[in-house]
Amino acid sequence: MDPVTLTAISLAAKYVPDIIGYFKGEKAGEVAGKVIDLAQTVTGTKTPDDAVAALDADPALAVQFRTAVMANEAELQRMYLSDRQD
C-alpha cells in the first residue's frame, strides 16, 4: 500500500472509524486521497504528515476533520461502491 493510503487509513482509524470499510479494492487510493484532502483543508497544511500532526495536536481540529469526513461520506461511499459494481 502506498504511504498516502496508509496515512489516510491511520487517520480514519483514529478519528472516523466508520469509514474504514471504504479502503478496499481499486478505489482505495481515491478514497484515501479524498480523506487526506479533507484533513489538509481542515488543518490548513500542505502535506499529509503535517495534517496528522495538526490533528493530533488540536482536538478542535480533530472534531472539524470528523465533521468534514461525515459531510463527505456519501462521496466516499460512492467511490467505494463504484469499485464494487464492477
C-alpha atoms as a PDB file:
ATOM      1  CA  MET A   1       0.000   0.000   0.000  1.00  0.00           C
ATOM      2  CA  ASP A   2       1.216   3.489  -0.785  1.00  0.00           C
ATOM      3  CA  PRO A   3       2.085   5.955   2.011  1.00  0.00           C
ATOM      4  CA  VAL A   4      -0.914   8.238   1.324  1.00  0.00           C
ATOM      5  CA  THR A   5      -3.340   5.345   1.698  1.00  0.00           C
ATOM      6  CA  LEU A   6      -1.636   4.196   4.894  1.00  0.00           C
ATOM      7  CA  THR A   7      -1.814   7.710   6.322  1.00  0.00           C
ATOM      8  CA  ALA A   8      -5.483   8.021   5.376  1.00  0.00           C
ATOM      9  CA  ILE A   9      -6.309   4.666   6.957  1.00  0.00           C
ATOM     10  CA  SER A  10      -4.477   5.746  10.100  1.00  0.00           C
ATOM     11  CA  LEU A  11      -6.472   8.987  10.224  1.00  0.00           C
ATOM     12  CA  ALA A  12      -9.729   7.147   9.630  1.00  0.00           C
ATOM     13  CA  ALA A  13      -8.964   4.567  12.300  1.00  0.00           C
ATOM     14  CA  LYS A  14      -8.185   7.263  14.840  1.00  0.00           C
ATOM     15  CA  TYR A  15     -10.849   9.859  14.048  1.00  0.00           C
ATOM     16  CA  VAL A  16     -13.572   8.332  11.835  1.00  0.00           C
ATOM     17  CA  PRO A  17     -13.510   4.525  12.170  1.00  0.00           C
ATOM     18  CA  ASP A  18     -16.894   4.202  10.454  1.00  0.00           C
ATOM     19  CA  ILE A  19     -15.259   4.725   7.049  1.00  0.00           C
ATOM     20  CA  ILE A  20     -12.515   2.077   7.323  1.00  0.00           C
ATOM     21  CA  GLY A  21     -14.510  -0.250   5.078  1.00  0.00           C
ATOM     22  CA  TYR A  22     -14.210   2.175   2.154  1.00  0.00           C
ATOM     23  CA  PHE A  23     -10.463   1.492   1.844  1.00  0.00           C
ATOM     24  CA  LYS A  24     -10.910  -1.701  -0.157  1.00  0.00           C
ATOM     25  CA  GLY A  25     -10.479  -2.525  -3.796  1.00  0.00           C
ATOM     26  CA  GLU A  26      -9.135  -0.489  -6.662  1.00  0.00           C
ATOM     27  CA  LYS A  27     -10.671   2.771  -5.421  1.00  0.00           C
ATOM     28  CA  ALA A  28      -8.848   2.672  -2.059  1.00  0.00           C
ATOM     29  CA  GLY A  29      -6.313   5.201  -3.323  1.00  0.00           C
ATOM     30  CA  GLU A  30      -9.064   7.545  -4.487  1.00  0.00           C
ATOM     31  CA  VAL A  31     -10.831   7.320  -1.125  1.00  0.00           C
ATOM     32  CA  ALA A  32      -7.513   7.862   0.646  1.00  0.00           C
ATOM     33  CA  GLY A  33      -6.782  10.933  -1.459  1.00  0.00           C
ATOM     34  CA  LYS A  34     -10.143  12.439  -0.543  1.00  0.00           C
ATOM     35  CA  VAL A  35      -9.608  11.782   3.180  1.00  0.00           C
ATOM     36  CA  ILE A  36      -6.139  13.339   3.034  1.00  0.00           C
ATOM     37  CA  ASP A  37      -7.507  16.337   1.103  1.00  0.00           C
ATOM     38  CA  LEU A  38     -10.124  16.863   3.795  1.00  0.00           C
ATOM     39  CA  ALA A  39      -7.509  16.624   6.549  1.00  0.00           C
ATOM     40  CA  GLN A  40      -5.236  19.125   4.811  1.00  0.00           C
ATOM     41  CA  THR A  41      -8.114  21.508   4.132  1.00  0.00           C
ATOM     42  CA  VAL A  42      -9.318  21.418   7.733  1.00  0.00           C
ATOM     43  CA  THR A  43      -5.821  21.857   9.151  1.00  0.00           C
ATOM     44  CA  GLY A  44      -4.545  24.308   6.535  1.00  0.00           C
ATOM     45  CA  THR A  45      -1.460  22.170   5.961  1.00  0.00           C
ATOM     46  CA  LYS A  46       0.328  21.194   2.772  1.00  0.00           C
ATOM     47  CA  THR A  47       1.409  17.612   3.493  1.00  0.00           C
ATOM     48  CA  PRO A  48      -0.353  14.555   4.904  1.00  0.00           C
ATOM     49  CA  ASP A  49       2.198  14.285   7.718  1.00  0.00           C
ATOM     50  CA  ASP A  50       1.626  17.913   8.716  1.00  0.00           C
ATOM     51  CA  ALA A  51      -2.133  17.312   8.702  1.00  0.00           C
ATOM     52  CA  VAL A  52      -1.728  14.298  11.003  1.00  0.00           C
ATOM     53  CA  ALA A  53       0.451  16.316  13.378  1.00  0.00           C
ATOM     54  CA  ALA A  54      -2.037  19.194  13.437  1.00  0.00           C
ATOM     55  CA  LEU A  55      -4.984  16.880  14.123  1.00  0.00           C
ATOM     56  CA  ASP A  56      -3.075  15.112  16.873  1.00  0.00           C
ATOM     57  CA  ALA A  57      -2.167  18.432  18.482  1.00  0.00           C
ATOM     58  CA  ASP A  58      -5.556  20.128  18.379  1.00  0.00           C
ATOM     59  CA  PRO A  59      -8.762  18.357  19.472  1.00  0.00           C
ATOM     60  CA  ALA A  60     -10.898  21.106  17.910  1.00  0.00           C
ATOM     61  CA  LEU A  61      -9.330  20.421  14.507  1.00  0.00           C
ATOM     62  CA  ALA A  62      -9.925  16.711  15.026  1.00  0.00           C
ATOM     63  CA  VAL A  63     -13.634  17.401  15.543  1.00  0.00           C
ATOM     64  CA  GLN A  64     -13.703  19.598  12.424  1.00  0.00           C
ATOM     65  CA  PHE A  65     -11.992  16.816  10.440  1.00  0.00           C
ATOM     66  CA  ARG A  66     -14.500  14.232  11.632  1.00  0.00           C
ATOM     67  CA  THR A  67     -17.340  16.570  10.702  1.00  0.00           C
ATOM     68  CA  ALA A  68     -15.845  17.177   7.240  1.00  0.00           C
ATOM     69  CA  VAL A  69     -15.472  13.460   6.611  1.00  0.00           C
ATOM     70  CA  MET A  70     -19.034  12.805   7.714  1.00  0.00           C
ATOM     71  CA  ALA A  71     -20.267  15.600   5.434  1.00  0.00           C
ATOM     72  CA  ASN A  72     -18.460  13.928   2.531  1.00  0.00           C
ATOM     73  CA  GLU A  73     -19.318  10.345   3.432  1.00  0.00           C
ATOM     74  CA  ALA A  74     -21.767   9.994   0.541  1.00  0.00           C
ATOM     75  CA  GLU A  75     -18.960  10.762  -1.909  1.00  0.00           C
ATOM     76  CA  LEU A  76     -16.602   8.326  -0.176  1.00  0.00           C
ATOM     77  CA  GLN A  77     -19.303   5.671  -0.285  1.00  0.00           C
ATOM     78  CA  ARG A  78     -19.907   6.365  -3.984  1.00  0.00           C
ATOM     79  CA  MET A  79     -16.195   5.839  -4.693  1.00  0.00           C
ATOM     80  CA  TYR A  80     -16.229   2.559  -2.820  1.00  0.00           C
ATOM     81  CA  LEU A  81     -19.462   1.309  -4.407  1.00  0.00           C
ATOM     82  CA  SER A  82     -18.352   2.187  -7.935  1.00  0.00           C
ATOM     83  CA  ASP A  83     -15.456  -0.211  -7.416  1.00  0.00           C
ATOM     84  CA  ARG A  84     -17.766  -2.911  -6.039  1.00  0.00           C
ATOM     85  CA  GLN A  85     -20.131  -2.518  -9.015  1.00  0.00           C
ATOM     86  CA  ASP A  86     -17.557  -3.897 -11.419  1.00  0.00           C
END
